[in-house]
Amino acid sequence: HNKDITGKKAETVLESIGITCNKNMVPYDDRSPFVTSGIRLGTPALTSRGFTEDDMRIIAGIIGRVIAAPEDEQVLKQARSDVRTLTEAHPLYEDMIL
């Protein structure tokens, strides 16, 4: 879906909820490389932690909701909670106690 949000804004708002990504140009991007129209998400960190395809679908849903309402504090609060739940279920180290 085409959301009216820049890659730079998406990068910032996703970082604020605990999802790391990079703003990235897309083919025929009319925005500058400092703003961009897209983002890039890396999955190796997720697969290393044991995230599944179903987890990836949940993450995609979180990203979609945040991108659709980047200024809505209720959406952001729920997204932060959802991200925390996912990361607690998949710790960096299996035997690590937080």
C-alpha atoms as a PDB file:
ATOM      1  CA  HIS A   1       0.000   0.000   0.000  1.00  0.00           C
ATOM      2  CA  ASN A   2       1.108   3.508  -0.721  1.00  0.00           C
ATOM      3  CA  LYS A   3       1.133   5.410   2.564  1.00  0.00           C
ATOM      4  CA  ASP A   4       1.818   9.130   2.623  1.00  0.00           C
ATOM      5  CA  ILE A   5       4.933   8.825   4.776  1.00  0.00           C
ATOM      6  CA  THR A   6       8.592   9.277   3.927  1.00  0.00           C
ATOM      7  CA  GLY A   7      11.222   6.630   4.506  1.00  0.00           C
ATOM      8  CA  LYS A   8      12.907   8.985   6.963  1.00  0.00           C
ATOM      9  CA  LYS A   9       9.715   9.403   9.024  1.00  0.00           C
ATOM     10  CA  ALA A  10       9.016   5.646   8.898  1.00  0.00           C
ATOM     11  CA  GLU A  11      12.565   4.907  10.084  1.00  0.00           C
ATOM     12  CA  THR A  12      12.168   7.314  13.011  1.00  0.00           C
ATOM     13  CA  VAL A  13       8.722   6.171  14.133  1.00  0.00           C
ATOM     14  CA  LEU A  14       9.577   2.460  13.833  1.00  0.00           C
ATOM     15  CA  GLU A  15      12.749   3.006  15.855  1.00  0.00           C
ATOM     16  CA  SER A  16      10.603   4.641  18.550  1.00  0.00           C
ATOM     17  CA  ILE A  17       8.639   1.393  18.985  1.00  0.00           C
ATOM     18  CA  GLY A  18      11.670  -0.901  18.900  1.00  0.00           C
ATOM     19  CA  ILE A  19      11.859  -1.891  15.231  1.00  0.00           C
ATOM     20  CA  THR A  20      15.119  -1.034  13.501  1.00  0.00           C
ATOM     21  CA  CYS A  21      15.086  -0.302   9.777  1.00  0.00           C
ATOM     22  CA  ASN A  22      16.780   2.005   7.305  1.00  0.00           C
ATOM     23  CA  LYS A  23      15.262   4.576   5.004  1.00  0.00           C
ATOM     24  CA  ASN A  24      15.938   3.419   1.463  1.00  0.00           C
ATOM     25  CA  MET A  25      15.326   4.716  -2.022  1.00  0.00           C
ATOM     26  CA  VAL A  26      12.954   2.787  -4.250  1.00  0.00           C
ATOM     27  CA  PRO A  27      13.114   2.580  -8.058  1.00  0.00           C
ATOM     28  CA  TYR A  28      12.225   5.931  -9.652  1.00  0.00           C
ATOM     29  CA  ASP A  29      12.149   7.576  -6.221  1.00  0.00           C
ATOM     30  CA  ASP A  30      11.438  11.284  -6.536  1.00  0.00           C
ATOM     31  CA  ARG A  31      12.566  11.988  -2.977  1.00  0.00           C
ATOM     32  CA  SER A  32      16.161  12.733  -2.059  1.00  0.00           C
ATOM     33  CA  PRO A  33      18.461  10.036  -0.618  1.00  0.00           C
ATOM     34  CA  PHE A  34      18.215  11.884   2.713  1.00  0.00           C
ATOM     35  CA  VAL A  35      14.425  11.498   2.847  1.00  0.00           C
ATOM     36  CA  THR A  36      13.483   8.562   0.534  1.00  0.00           C
ATOM     37  CA  SER A  37      10.173   6.874  -0.111  1.00  0.00           C
ATOM     38  CA  GLY A  38      10.996   3.410   1.204  1.00  0.00           C
ATOM     39  CA  ILE A  39      12.542   1.451   4.047  1.00  0.00           C
ATOM     40  CA  ARG A  40      14.735  -1.643   4.236  1.00  0.00           C
ATOM     41  CA  LEU A  41      14.203  -4.309   6.859  1.00  0.00           C
ATOM     42  CA  GLY A  42      16.792  -6.964   7.624  1.00  0.00           C
ATOM     43  CA  THR A  43      15.631 -10.389   8.756  1.00  0.00           C
ATOM     44  CA  PRO A  44      18.864 -12.175   9.826  1.00  0.00           C
ATOM     45  CA  ALA A  45      18.618 -10.811  13.379  1.00  0.00           C
ATOM     46  CA  LEU A  46      15.069 -12.119  13.610  1.00  0.00           C
ATOM     47  CA  THR A  47      15.772 -15.573  12.224  1.00  0.00           C
ATOM     48  CA  SER A  48      18.830 -15.869  14.496  1.00  0.00           C
ATOM     49  CA  ARG A  49      16.514 -15.345  17.458  1.00  0.00           C
ATOM     50  CA  GLY A  50      14.072 -17.988  16.257  1.00  0.00           C
ATOM     51  CA  PHE A  51      11.305 -15.783  14.896  1.00  0.00           C
ATOM     52  CA  THR A  52       8.925 -17.788  12.690  1.00  0.00           C
ATOM     53  CA  GLU A  53       6.930 -16.955   9.565  1.00  0.00           C
ATOM     54  CA  ASP A  54       3.914 -16.341  11.789  1.00  0.00           C
ATOM     55  CA  ASP A  55       5.983 -13.929  13.904  1.00  0.00           C
ATOM     56  CA  MET A  56       7.004 -12.114  10.708  1.00  0.00           C
ATOM     57  CA  ARG A  57       3.331 -11.692   9.803  1.00  0.00           C
ATOM     58  CA  ILE A  58       2.698 -10.191  13.234  1.00  0.00           C
ATOM     59  CA  ILE A  59       5.645  -7.817  12.753  1.00  0.00           C
ATOM     60  CA  ALA A  60       4.323  -6.827   9.317  1.00  0.00           C
ATOM     61  CA  GLY A  61       0.963  -6.014  10.907  1.00  0.00           C
ATOM     62  CA  ILE A  62       2.624  -3.890  13.571  1.00  0.00           C
ATOM     63  CA  ILE A  63       4.615  -2.017  10.925  1.00  0.00           C
ATOM     64  CA  GLY A  64       1.486  -1.485   8.818  1.00  0.00           C
ATOM     65  CA  ARG A  65      -0.482  -0.043  11.735  1.00  0.00           C
ATOM     66  CA  VAL A  66       2.355   2.286  12.739  1.00  0.00           C
ATOM     67  CA  ILE A  67       2.976   3.483   9.168  1.00  0.00           C
ATOM     68  CA  ALA A  68      -0.757   4.172   8.768  1.00  0.00           C
ATOM     69  CA  ALA A  69      -0.926   6.236  11.989  1.00  0.00           C
ATOM     70  CA  PRO A  70       2.578   7.484  12.869  1.00  0.00           C
ATOM     71  CA  GLU A  71       1.269  10.291  15.093  1.00  0.00           C
ATOM     72  CA  ASP A  72      -1.320   8.245  17.021  1.00  0.00           C
ATOM     73  CA  GLU A  73       0.050   7.705  20.539  1.00  0.00           C
ATOM     74  CA  GLN A  74      -2.384   4.866  21.268  1.00  0.00           C
ATOM     75  CA  VAL A  75      -1.229   2.985  18.158  1.00  0.00           C
ATOM     76  CA  LEU A  76       2.416   3.586  19.087  1.00  0.00           C
ATOM     77  CA  LYS A  77       1.878   2.510  22.697  1.00  0.00           C
ATOM     78  CA  GLN A  78       0.221  -0.747  21.614  1.00  0.00           C
ATOM     79  CA  ALA A  79       2.949  -1.341  19.018  1.00  0.00           C
ATOM     80  CA  ARG A  80       5.681  -0.901  21.657  1.00  0.00           C
ATOM     81  CA  SER A  81       3.904  -3.428  23.850  1.00  0.00           C
ATOM     82  CA  ASP A  82       3.526  -5.892  20.972  1.00  0.00           C
ATOM     83  CA  VAL A  83       7.218  -5.556  20.054  1.00  0.00           C
ATOM     84  CA  ARG A  84       8.243  -6.098  23.682  1.00  0.00           C
ATOM     85  CA  THR A  85       6.089  -9.233  23.886  1.00  0.00           C
ATOM     86  CA  LEU A  86       7.693 -10.633  20.729  1.00  0.00           C
ATOM     87  CA  THR A  87      11.249  -9.861  21.808  1.00  0.00           C
ATOM     88  CA  GLU A  88      10.684 -11.331  25.261  1.00  0.00           C
ATOM     89  CA  ALA A  89       9.422 -14.525  23.606  1.00  0.00           C
ATOM     90  CA  HIS A  90      12.608 -14.662  21.500  1.00  0.00           C
ATOM     91  CA  PRO A  91      15.526 -13.529  23.697  1.00  0.00           C
ATOM     92  CA  LEU A  92      18.956 -12.883  22.223  1.00  0.00           C
ATOM     93  CA  TYR A  93      20.322 -15.727  24.291  1.00  0.00           C
ATOM     94  CA  GLU A  94      18.097 -18.603  25.339  1.00  0.00           C
ATOM     95  CA  ASP A  95      19.520 -18.743  28.866  1.00  0.00           C
ATOM     96  CA  MET A  96      19.635 -14.981  29.399  1.00  0.00           C
ATOM     97  CA  ILE A  97      17.402 -13.795  32.224  1.00  0.00           C
ATOM     98  CA  LEU A  98      16.250 -10.176  32.132  1.00  0.00           C
END
